[in-house]
């Protein structure tokens, strides 16, 4: 049972917990993952459409998300085409379960 947003017996320190890796999705399909390293977040492609982003370093997971969405939109080869006339791809960052 969850109470006040926490599991029973779970104590928090008040510090924010940040993940070291995130899944990047474009149009509800996996584009790749980003993994935190000393210099930022490194992109690893999950689909051939995003291989050209492979190994690129980003300052944040959000920056990688925007790059993947822009790349998909520029190439016109997003895994799932956006609705006609929208002119853009949708990208989201999904936190990886721990």
Foldseek 3Di string as FASTA:
>chain_A
DDDPNHDPPDDDPPDDDDDQKKFKDKQNHTQFMWGQDPVATFTDGPDPLNVVSHGPGDNYPVVVNVVSFVSCLVVVPHPDHDDPPPSTIDMDIGDDDD
